[in-house]
Amino acid sequence: MEYNTSRGDLLLPEYGRNVQNMIQHAMGIEDRETRNKAAQAIIEVMGQLNPHLRDVDDYKHKLWTHLFVMSDFKLEVDSPFEIPSRESLVESPDTMDYPKAKIRFGHFGKYTQNILELADSIEDEAELQYLTKSMANFMKKQFLMHNNRAVENHVIAEQLFELSNGKLKLENPDELTSTNQLLKTLGLNNPPKNQKGKGKGKNNNNNNNNNNRRGSQNNRNRNSNRSKK
């Protein structure tokens, strides 16, 4: 009996021992044309064993790459794709630089800050007024997403002025969209249904308790009147 411990390692276990044996057999075929046909047949079997790969872009390319990996890059066949090298599959990706830019107000985010900094390049007065009001309302909405309990219009106006480096000045902060209206658009103004139900349940229980007390008092009064008679 042959045990797995005495066999070679499975380079890609998801394909199983039989596929790897087929690849080993194909590597021993001397005629290149016959070896190419064997490789095509193995690719078809690999696709049937892993149908989920068909949802991946260039899944045929991935199957051919797996074929060469399982042959330890020793199978010499004509591939419709570029034959990968061992080094290209094991090399580490380049390190990505982490953004180090400072965000003045975290709840507004970096993109809002970038947009407001670009206000310096706008010269048209009408465009500046439109940008001032639209960005102020947008910042107010962002603030409410961060803290939906309280927001002051004059605070939004001050932070708008600061982030735009003094370019955007809101003359009348009270003209901003009301907090209640913004909360409606965000779906944050309505209490959860279970809380409504709990409140009603408590009221009903209180009413029932009051009715029970009144009923008990009425019964005591009747009994007292009967004893006097």
C-alpha atoms as a PDB file:
ATOM      1  CA  MET A   1       0.000   0.000   0.000  1.00  0.00           C
ATOM      2  CA  GLU A   2       1.264   3.481  -0.916  1.00  0.00           C
ATOM      3  CA  TYR A   3       0.829   6.298   1.601  1.00  0.00           C
ATOM      4  CA  ASN A   4       0.677  10.014   0.858  1.00  0.00           C
ATOM      5  CA  THR A   5       3.737  10.529   3.067  1.00  0.00           C
ATOM      6  CA  SER A   6       5.787   8.572   0.552  1.00  0.00           C
ATOM      7  CA  ARG A   7       4.505  10.579  -2.426  1.00  0.00           C
ATOM      8  CA  GLY A   8       5.663  13.910  -3.748  1.00  0.00           C
ATOM      9  CA  ASP A   9       4.215  17.162  -2.448  1.00  0.00           C
ATOM     10  CA  LEU A  10       0.997  18.505  -3.963  1.00  0.00           C
ATOM     11  CA  LEU A  11       1.979  21.925  -5.241  1.00  0.00           C
ATOM     12  CA  LEU A  12      -1.670  22.994  -5.660  1.00  0.00           C
ATOM     13  CA  PRO A  13      -3.807  20.663  -3.508  1.00  0.00           C
ATOM     14  CA  GLU A  14      -7.115  21.977  -4.874  1.00  0.00           C
ATOM     15  CA  TYR A  15      -6.517  20.072  -8.124  1.00  0.00           C
ATOM     16  CA  GLY A  16      -5.755  16.778  -6.427  1.00  0.00           C
ATOM     17  CA  ARG A  17      -3.230  14.009  -6.963  1.00  0.00           C
ATOM     18  CA  ASN A  18      -4.642  12.769 -10.288  1.00  0.00           C
ATOM     19  CA  VAL A  19      -4.127  16.091 -12.097  1.00  0.00           C
ATOM     20  CA  GLN A  20      -0.564  16.311 -10.833  1.00  0.00           C
ATOM     21  CA  ASN A  21       0.069  12.744 -12.043  1.00  0.00           C
ATOM     22  CA  MET A  22      -1.330  13.706 -15.456  1.00  0.00           C
ATOM     23  CA  ILE A  23       1.110  16.617 -15.618  1.00  0.00           C
ATOM     24  CA  GLN A  24       4.011  14.349 -14.649  1.00  0.00           C
ATOM     25  CA  HIS A  25       2.977  11.982 -17.439  1.00  0.00           C
ATOM     26  CA  ALA A  26       2.783  14.855 -19.955  1.00  0.00           C
ATOM     27  CA  MET A  27       6.295  15.937 -19.002  1.00  0.00           C
ATOM     28  CA  GLY A  28       7.539  12.493 -20.048  1.00  0.00           C
ATOM     29  CA  ILE A  29       6.047  12.687 -23.568  1.00  0.00           C
ATOM     30  CA  GLU A  30       8.842  13.257 -26.069  1.00  0.00           C
ATOM     31  CA  ASP A  31       6.786  14.400 -29.076  1.00  0.00           C
ATOM     32  CA  ARG A  32       6.025  18.114 -28.642  1.00  0.00           C
ATOM     33  CA  GLU A  33       2.746  18.035 -30.604  1.00  0.00           C
ATOM     34  CA  THR A  34       1.443  15.152 -28.511  1.00  0.00           C
ATOM     35  CA  ARG A  35       2.636  16.940 -25.367  1.00  0.00           C
ATOM     36  CA  ASN A  36       0.714  20.078 -26.425  1.00  0.00           C
ATOM     37  CA  LYS A  37      -2.477  18.039 -26.887  1.00  0.00           C
ATOM     38  CA  ALA A  38      -1.995  16.486 -23.463  1.00  0.00           C
ATOM     39  CA  ALA A  39      -1.566  19.945 -21.912  1.00  0.00           C
ATOM     40  CA  GLN A  40      -4.796  21.159 -23.558  1.00  0.00           C
ATOM     41  CA  ALA A  41      -6.663  18.141 -22.180  1.00  0.00           C
ATOM     42  CA  ILE A  42      -5.277  18.749 -18.691  1.00  0.00           C
ATOM     43  CA  ILE A  43      -6.403  22.408 -18.859  1.00  0.00           C
ATOM     44  CA  GLU A  44      -9.956  21.249 -19.655  1.00  0.00           C
ATOM     45  CA  VAL A  45      -9.935  18.893 -16.663  1.00  0.00           C
ATOM     46  CA  MET A  46      -8.611  21.644 -14.392  1.00  0.00           C
ATOM     47  CA  GLY A  47     -11.421  23.960 -15.520  1.00  0.00           C
ATOM     48  CA  GLN A  48     -14.044  21.308 -14.758  1.00  0.00           C
ATOM     49  CA  LEU A  49     -12.605  20.684 -11.291  1.00  0.00           C
ATOM     50  CA  ASN A  50     -12.695  24.398 -10.451  1.00  0.00           C
ATOM     51  CA  PRO A  51     -15.730  25.922 -12.225  1.00  0.00           C
ATOM     52  CA  HIS A  52     -15.645  28.968  -9.911  1.00  0.00           C
ATOM     53  CA  LEU A  53     -12.542  30.159 -11.767  1.00  0.00           C
ATOM     54  CA  ARG A  54     -14.748  30.932 -14.760  1.00  0.00           C
ATOM     55  CA  ASP A  55     -16.034  33.969 -12.868  1.00  0.00           C
ATOM     56  CA  VAL A  56     -12.481  35.327 -12.650  1.00  0.00           C
ATOM     57  CA  ASP A  57     -11.111  37.596 -15.367  1.00  0.00           C
ATOM     58  CA  ASP A  58      -8.743  35.724 -17.697  1.00  0.00           C
ATOM     59  CA  TYR A  59      -9.494  32.413 -15.990  1.00  0.00           C
ATOM     60  CA  LYS A  60      -7.838  30.516 -18.869  1.00  0.00           C
ATOM     61  CA  HIS A  61      -4.661  32.448 -18.191  1.00  0.00           C
ATOM     62  CA  LYS A  62      -4.866  31.470 -14.526  1.00  0.00           C
ATOM     63  CA  LEU A  63      -5.313  27.788 -15.433  1.00  0.00           C
ATOM     64  CA  TRP A  64      -2.211  27.821 -17.626  1.00  0.00           C
ATOM     65  CA  THR A  65      -0.243  29.507 -14.851  1.00  0.00           C
ATOM     66  CA  HIS A  66      -1.367  26.792 -12.421  1.00  0.00           C
ATOM     67  CA  LEU A  67      -0.332  24.152 -14.957  1.00  0.00           C
ATOM     68  CA  PHE A  68       3.236  25.473 -15.072  1.00  0.00           C
ATOM     69  CA  VAL A  69       3.354  25.836 -11.290  1.00  0.00           C
ATOM     70  CA  MET A  70       2.343  22.187 -10.786  1.00  0.00           C
ATOM     71  CA  SER A  71       5.012  21.115 -13.271  1.00  0.00           C
ATOM     72  CA  ASP A  72       7.576  23.067 -11.245  1.00  0.00           C
ATOM     73  CA  PHE A  73       8.046  25.202 -14.383  1.00  0.00           C
ATOM     74  CA  LYS A  74       9.573  22.229 -16.216  1.00  0.00           C
ATOM     75  CA  LEU A  75       6.754  21.494 -18.704  1.00  0.00           C
ATOM     76  CA  GLU A  76       7.735  22.598 -22.212  1.00  0.00           C
ATOM     77  CA  VAL A  77       4.575  23.243 -24.226  1.00  0.00           C
ATOM     78  CA  ASP A  78       3.205  25.984 -26.498  1.00  0.00           C
ATOM     79  CA  SER A  79       1.073  28.192 -24.257  1.00  0.00           C
ATOM     80  CA  PRO A  80      -1.399  30.774 -25.617  1.00  0.00           C
ATOM     81  CA  PHE A  81      -0.134  33.088 -22.863  1.00  0.00           C
ATOM     82  CA  GLU A  82       3.265  34.232 -21.719  1.00  0.00           C
ATOM     83  CA  ILE A  83       4.968  31.465 -19.763  1.00  0.00           C
ATOM     84  CA  PRO A  84       5.533  32.694 -16.202  1.00  0.00           C
ATOM     85  CA  SER A  85       8.821  32.375 -14.398  1.00  0.00           C
ATOM     86  CA  ARG A  86       9.308  31.237 -10.821  1.00  0.00           C
ATOM     87  CA  GLU A  87      10.774  34.630  -9.897  1.00  0.00           C
ATOM     88  CA  SER A  88       7.797  36.599 -11.235  1.00  0.00           C
ATOM     89  CA  LEU A  89       5.391  34.697  -8.976  1.00  0.00           C
ATOM     90  CA  VAL A  90       7.372  34.994  -5.755  1.00  0.00           C
ATOM     91  CA  GLU A  91       8.600  38.574  -5.999  1.00  0.00           C
ATOM     92  CA  SER A  92       7.100  40.981  -3.462  1.00  0.00           C
ATOM     93  CA  PRO A  93       5.018  43.933  -4.681  1.00  0.00           C
ATOM     94  CA  ASP A  94       6.375  47.445  -4.390  1.00  0.00           C
ATOM     95  CA  THR A  95       5.721  49.163  -1.083  1.00  0.00           C
ATOM     96  CA  MET A  96       2.970  51.761  -1.291  1.00  0.00           C
ATOM     97  CA  ASP A  97       3.517  55.148   0.288  1.00  0.00           C
ATOM     98  CA  TYR A  98       1.093  55.880   3.115  1.00  0.00           C
ATOM     99  CA  PRO A  99      -0.554  59.318   2.814  1.00  0.00           C
ATOM    100  CA  LYS A 100       0.985  61.693   5.318  1.00  0.00           C
ATOM    101  CA  ALA A 101      -1.122  64.776   4.626  1.00  0.00           C
ATOM    102  CA  LYS A 102      -2.627  66.423   7.683  1.00  0.00           C
ATOM    103  CA  ILE A 103      -6.428  66.675   7.900  1.00  0.00           C
ATOM    104  CA  ARG A 104      -7.601  69.712   9.842  1.00  0.00           C
ATOM    105  CA  PHE A 105     -11.086  68.397  10.648  1.00  0.00           C
ATOM    106  CA  GLY A 106     -11.378  64.622  10.556  1.00  0.00           C
ATOM    107  CA  HIS A 107     -15.190  64.537  10.235  1.00  0.00           C
ATOM    108  CA  PHE A 108     -14.994  66.495   6.954  1.00  0.00           C
ATOM    109  CA  GLY A 109     -12.324  64.282   5.433  1.00  0.00           C
ATOM    110  CA  LYS A 110      -9.451  64.973   3.063  1.00  0.00           C
ATOM    111  CA  TYR A 111     -11.522  65.358  -0.130  1.00  0.00           C
ATOM    112  CA  THR A 112     -13.626  68.174   1.311  1.00  0.00           C
ATOM    113  CA  GLN A 113     -10.444  69.942   2.373  1.00  0.00           C
ATOM    114  CA  ASN A 114      -8.946  69.524  -1.117  1.00  0.00           C
ATOM    115  CA  ILE A 115     -12.068  70.926  -2.803  1.00  0.00           C
ATOM    116  CA  LEU A 116     -12.107  73.995  -0.561  1.00  0.00           C
ATOM    117  CA  GLU A 117      -8.410  74.628  -1.112  1.00  0.00           C
ATOM    118  CA  LEU A 118      -9.095  74.785  -4.872  1.00  0.00           C
ATOM    119  CA  ALA A 119     -11.390  77.775  -4.284  1.00  0.00           C
ATOM    120  CA  ASP A 120      -8.313  80.020  -4.664  1.00  0.00           C
ATOM    121  CA  SER A 121      -8.339  79.336  -8.402  1.00  0.00           C
ATOM    122  CA  ILE A 122     -11.975  80.496  -8.881  1.00  0.00           C
ATOM    123  CA  GLU A 123     -12.447  84.114  -9.908  1.00  0.00           C
ATOM    124  CA  ASP A 124     -16.101  84.208 -10.996  1.00  0.00           C
ATOM    125  CA  GLU A 125     -18.177  85.757  -8.188  1.00  0.00           C
ATOM    126  CA  ALA A 126     -21.387  83.840  -8.981  1.00  0.00           C
ATOM    127  CA  GLU A 127     -19.499  80.547  -8.989  1.00  0.00           C
ATOM    128  CA  LEU A 128     -17.914  81.415  -5.653  1.00  0.00           C
ATOM    129  CA  GLN A 129     -21.304  82.161  -4.087  1.00  0.00           C
ATOM    130  CA  TYR A 130     -22.726  78.879  -5.364  1.00  0.00           C
ATOM    131  CA  LEU A 131     -19.694  76.953  -4.090  1.00  0.00           C
ATOM    132  CA  THR A 132     -19.914  78.688  -0.710  1.00  0.00           C
ATOM    133  CA  LYS A 133     -23.521  77.731  -0.033  1.00  0.00           C
ATOM    134  CA  SER A 134     -23.375  74.229  -1.504  1.00  0.00           C
ATOM    135  CA  MET A 135     -20.181  73.316   0.350  1.00  0.00           C
ATOM    136  CA  ALA A 136     -21.502  74.783   3.603  1.00  0.00           C
ATOM    137  CA  ASN A 137     -24.618  72.594   3.396  1.00  0.00           C
ATOM    138  CA  PHE A 138     -22.477  69.614   2.482  1.00  0.00           C
ATOM    139  CA  MET A 139     -20.189  70.233   5.468  1.00  0.00           C
ATOM    140  CA  LYS A 140     -23.208  70.558   7.735  1.00  0.00           C
ATOM    141  CA  LYS A 141     -24.470  67.204   6.511  1.00  0.00           C
ATOM    142  CA  GLN A 142     -21.056  65.636   7.131  1.00  0.00           C
ATOM    143  CA  PHE A 143     -21.012  67.126  10.628  1.00  0.00           C
ATOM    144  CA  LEU A 144     -24.446  65.630  11.369  1.00  0.00           C
ATOM    145  CA  MET A 145     -23.249  62.223  10.227  1.00  0.00           C
ATOM    146  CA  HIS A 146     -20.452  62.560  12.787  1.00  0.00           C
ATOM    147  CA  ASN A 147     -22.652  64.057  15.542  1.00  0.00           C
ATOM    148  CA  ASN A 148     -26.398  64.305  14.912  1.00  0.00           C
ATOM    149  CA  ARG A 149     -27.242  65.918  18.246  1.00  0.00           C
ATOM    150  CA  ALA A 150     -26.063  69.477  17.742  1.00  0.00           C
ATOM    151  CA  VAL A 151     -24.575  71.625  15.001  1.00  0.00           C
ATOM    152  CA  GLU A 152     -24.245  75.396  14.889  1.00  0.00           C
ATOM    153  CA  ASN A 153     -24.460  77.205  11.554  1.00  0.00           C
ATOM    154  CA  HIS A 154     -21.894  79.796  12.596  1.00  0.00           C
ATOM    155  CA  VAL A 155     -19.415  76.986  13.396  1.00  0.00           C
ATOM    156  CA  ILE A 156     -19.863  75.588   9.864  1.00  0.00           C
ATOM    157  CA  ALA A 157     -19.327  79.084   8.452  1.00  0.00           C
ATOM    158  CA  GLU A 158     -16.114  79.552  10.459  1.00  0.00           C
ATOM    159  CA  GLN A 159     -14.694  76.184   9.434  1.00  0.00           C
ATOM    160  CA  LEU A 160     -15.637  76.812   5.799  1.00  0.00           C
ATOM    161  CA  PHE A 161     -13.768  80.114   5.930  1.00  0.00           C
ATOM    162  CA  GLU A 162     -10.738  78.438   7.522  1.00  0.00           C
ATOM    163  CA  LEU A 163     -10.534  75.460   5.130  1.00  0.00           C
ATOM    164  CA  SER A 164     -10.860  77.702   2.059  1.00  0.00           C
ATOM    165  CA  ASN A 165      -8.061  79.964   3.352  1.00  0.00           C
ATOM    166  CA  GLY A 166     -10.471  82.884   3.637  1.00  0.00           C
ATOM    167  CA  LYS A 167     -11.794  82.568   0.081  1.00  0.00           C
ATOM    168  CA  LEU A 168     -15.323  81.355   0.910  1.00  0.00           C
ATOM    169  CA  LYS A 169     -17.238  83.483   3.416  1.00  0.00           C
ATOM    170  CA  LEU A 170     -20.838  82.694   4.338  1.00  0.00           C
ATOM    171  CA  GLU A 171     -22.507  86.038   5.001  1.00  0.00           C
ATOM    172  CA  ASN A 172     -25.687  84.680   6.595  1.00  0.00           C
ATOM    173  CA  PRO A 173     -25.224  81.252   8.211  1.00  0.00           C
ATOM    174  CA  ASP A 174     -28.932  81.069   9.045  1.00  0.00           C
ATOM    175  CA  GLU A 175     -29.684  80.543   5.334  1.00  0.00           C
ATOM    176  CA  LEU A 176     -28.277  77.005   5.499  1.00  0.00           C
ATOM    177  CA  THR A 177     -30.646  74.054   5.189  1.00  0.00           C
ATOM    178  CA  SER A 178     -32.320  73.301   8.510  1.00  0.00           C
ATOM    179  CA  THR A 179     -30.919  70.554  10.709  1.00  0.00           C
ATOM    180  CA  ASN A 180     -34.224  68.647  10.744  1.00  0.00           C
ATOM    181  CA  GLN A 181     -34.391  68.582   6.950  1.00  0.00           C
ATOM    182  CA  LEU A 182     -30.820  67.304   6.672  1.00  0.00           C
ATOM    183  CA  LEU A 183     -31.509  64.661   9.295  1.00  0.00           C
ATOM    184  CA  LYS A 184     -34.503  63.492   7.243  1.00  0.00           C
ATOM    185  CA  THR A 185     -32.340  63.083   4.154  1.00  0.00           C
ATOM    186  CA  LEU A 186     -29.859  61.088   6.247  1.00  0.00           C
ATOM    187  CA  GLY A 187     -32.606  59.013   7.879  1.00  0.00           C
ATOM    188  CA  LEU A 188     -31.408  59.945  11.370  1.00  0.00           C
ATOM    189  CA  ASN A 189     -34.406  61.826  12.761  1.00  0.00           C
ATOM    190  CA  ASN A 190     -36.880  58.955  13.290  1.00  0.00           C
ATOM    191  CA  PRO A 191     -36.514  56.822  16.429  1.00  0.00           C
ATOM    192  CA  PRO A 192     -36.337  53.051  15.911  1.00  0.00           C
ATOM    193  CA  LYS A 193     -39.669  51.263  15.687  1.00  0.00           C
ATOM    194  CA  ASN A 194     -38.891  48.992  18.623  1.00  0.00           C
ATOM    195  CA  GLN A 195     -38.453  52.055  20.828  1.00  0.00           C
ATOM    196  CA  LYS A 196     -41.874  53.314  19.767  1.00  0.00           C
ATOM    197  CA  GLY A 197     -43.362  49.958  20.576  1.00  0.00           C
ATOM    198  CA  LYS A 198     -41.654  49.848  23.933  1.00  0.00           C
ATOM    199  CA  GLY A 199     -43.032  53.256  24.845  1.00  0.00           C
ATOM    200  CA  LYS A 200     -46.575  52.256  23.905  1.00  0.00           C
ATOM    201  CA  GLY A 201     -46.250  49.037  25.846  1.00  0.00           C
ATOM    202  CA  LYS A 202     -45.201  50.926  28.959  1.00  0.00           C
ATOM    203  CA  ASN A 203     -48.140  53.323  28.628  1.00  0.00           C
ATOM    204  CA  ASN A 204     -50.571  50.445  28.211  1.00  0.00           C
ATOM    205  CA  ASN A 205     -49.146  48.714  31.281  1.00  0.00           C
ATOM    206  CA  ASN A 206     -49.485  51.900  33.318  1.00  0.00           C
ATOM    207  CA  ASN A 207     -53.110  52.312  32.221  1.00  0.00           C
ATOM    208  CA  ASN A 208     -53.898  48.711  33.124  1.00  0.00           C
ATOM    209  CA  ASN A 209     -52.308  49.128  36.556  1.00  0.00           C
ATOM    210  CA  ASN A 210     -54.358  52.278  37.206  1.00  0.00           C
ATOM    211  CA  ASN A 211     -57.585  50.526  36.169  1.00  0.00           C
ATOM    212  CA  ASN A 212     -56.790  47.602  38.467  1.00  0.00           C
ATOM    213  CA  ARG A 213     -56.227  49.943  41.404  1.00  0.00           C
ATOM    214  CA  ARG A 214     -59.539  51.716  40.762  1.00  0.00           C
ATOM    215  CA  GLY A 215     -61.359  48.410  40.549  1.00  0.00           C
ATOM    216  CA  SER A 216     -59.896  47.221  43.843  1.00  0.00           C
ATOM    217  CA  GLN A 217     -60.846  50.490  45.556  1.00  0.00           C
ATOM    218  CA  ASN A 218     -64.435  50.226  44.272  1.00  0.00           C
ATOM    219  CA  ASN A 219     -64.735  46.662  45.590  1.00  0.00           C
ATOM    220  CA  ARG A 220     -63.497  47.742  49.025  1.00  0.00           C
ATOM    221  CA  ASN A 221     -66.040  50.563  49.122  1.00  0.00           C
ATOM    222  CA  ARG A 222     -68.907  48.184  48.266  1.00  0.00           C
ATOM    223  CA  ASN A 223     -67.855  45.723  50.943  1.00  0.00           C
ATOM    224  CA  SER A 224     -67.655  48.533  53.508  1.00  0.00           C
ATOM    225  CA  ASN A 225     -71.171  49.746  52.664  1.00  0.00           C
ATOM    226  CA  ARG A 226     -72.610  46.240  52.987  1.00  0.00           C
ATOM    227  CA  SER A 227     -71.053  45.739  56.438  1.00  0.00           C
ATOM    228  CA  LYS A 228     -72.580  49.006  57.693  1.00  0.00           C
ATOM    229  CA  LYS A 229     -76.037  47.903  56.592  1.00  0.00           C
END
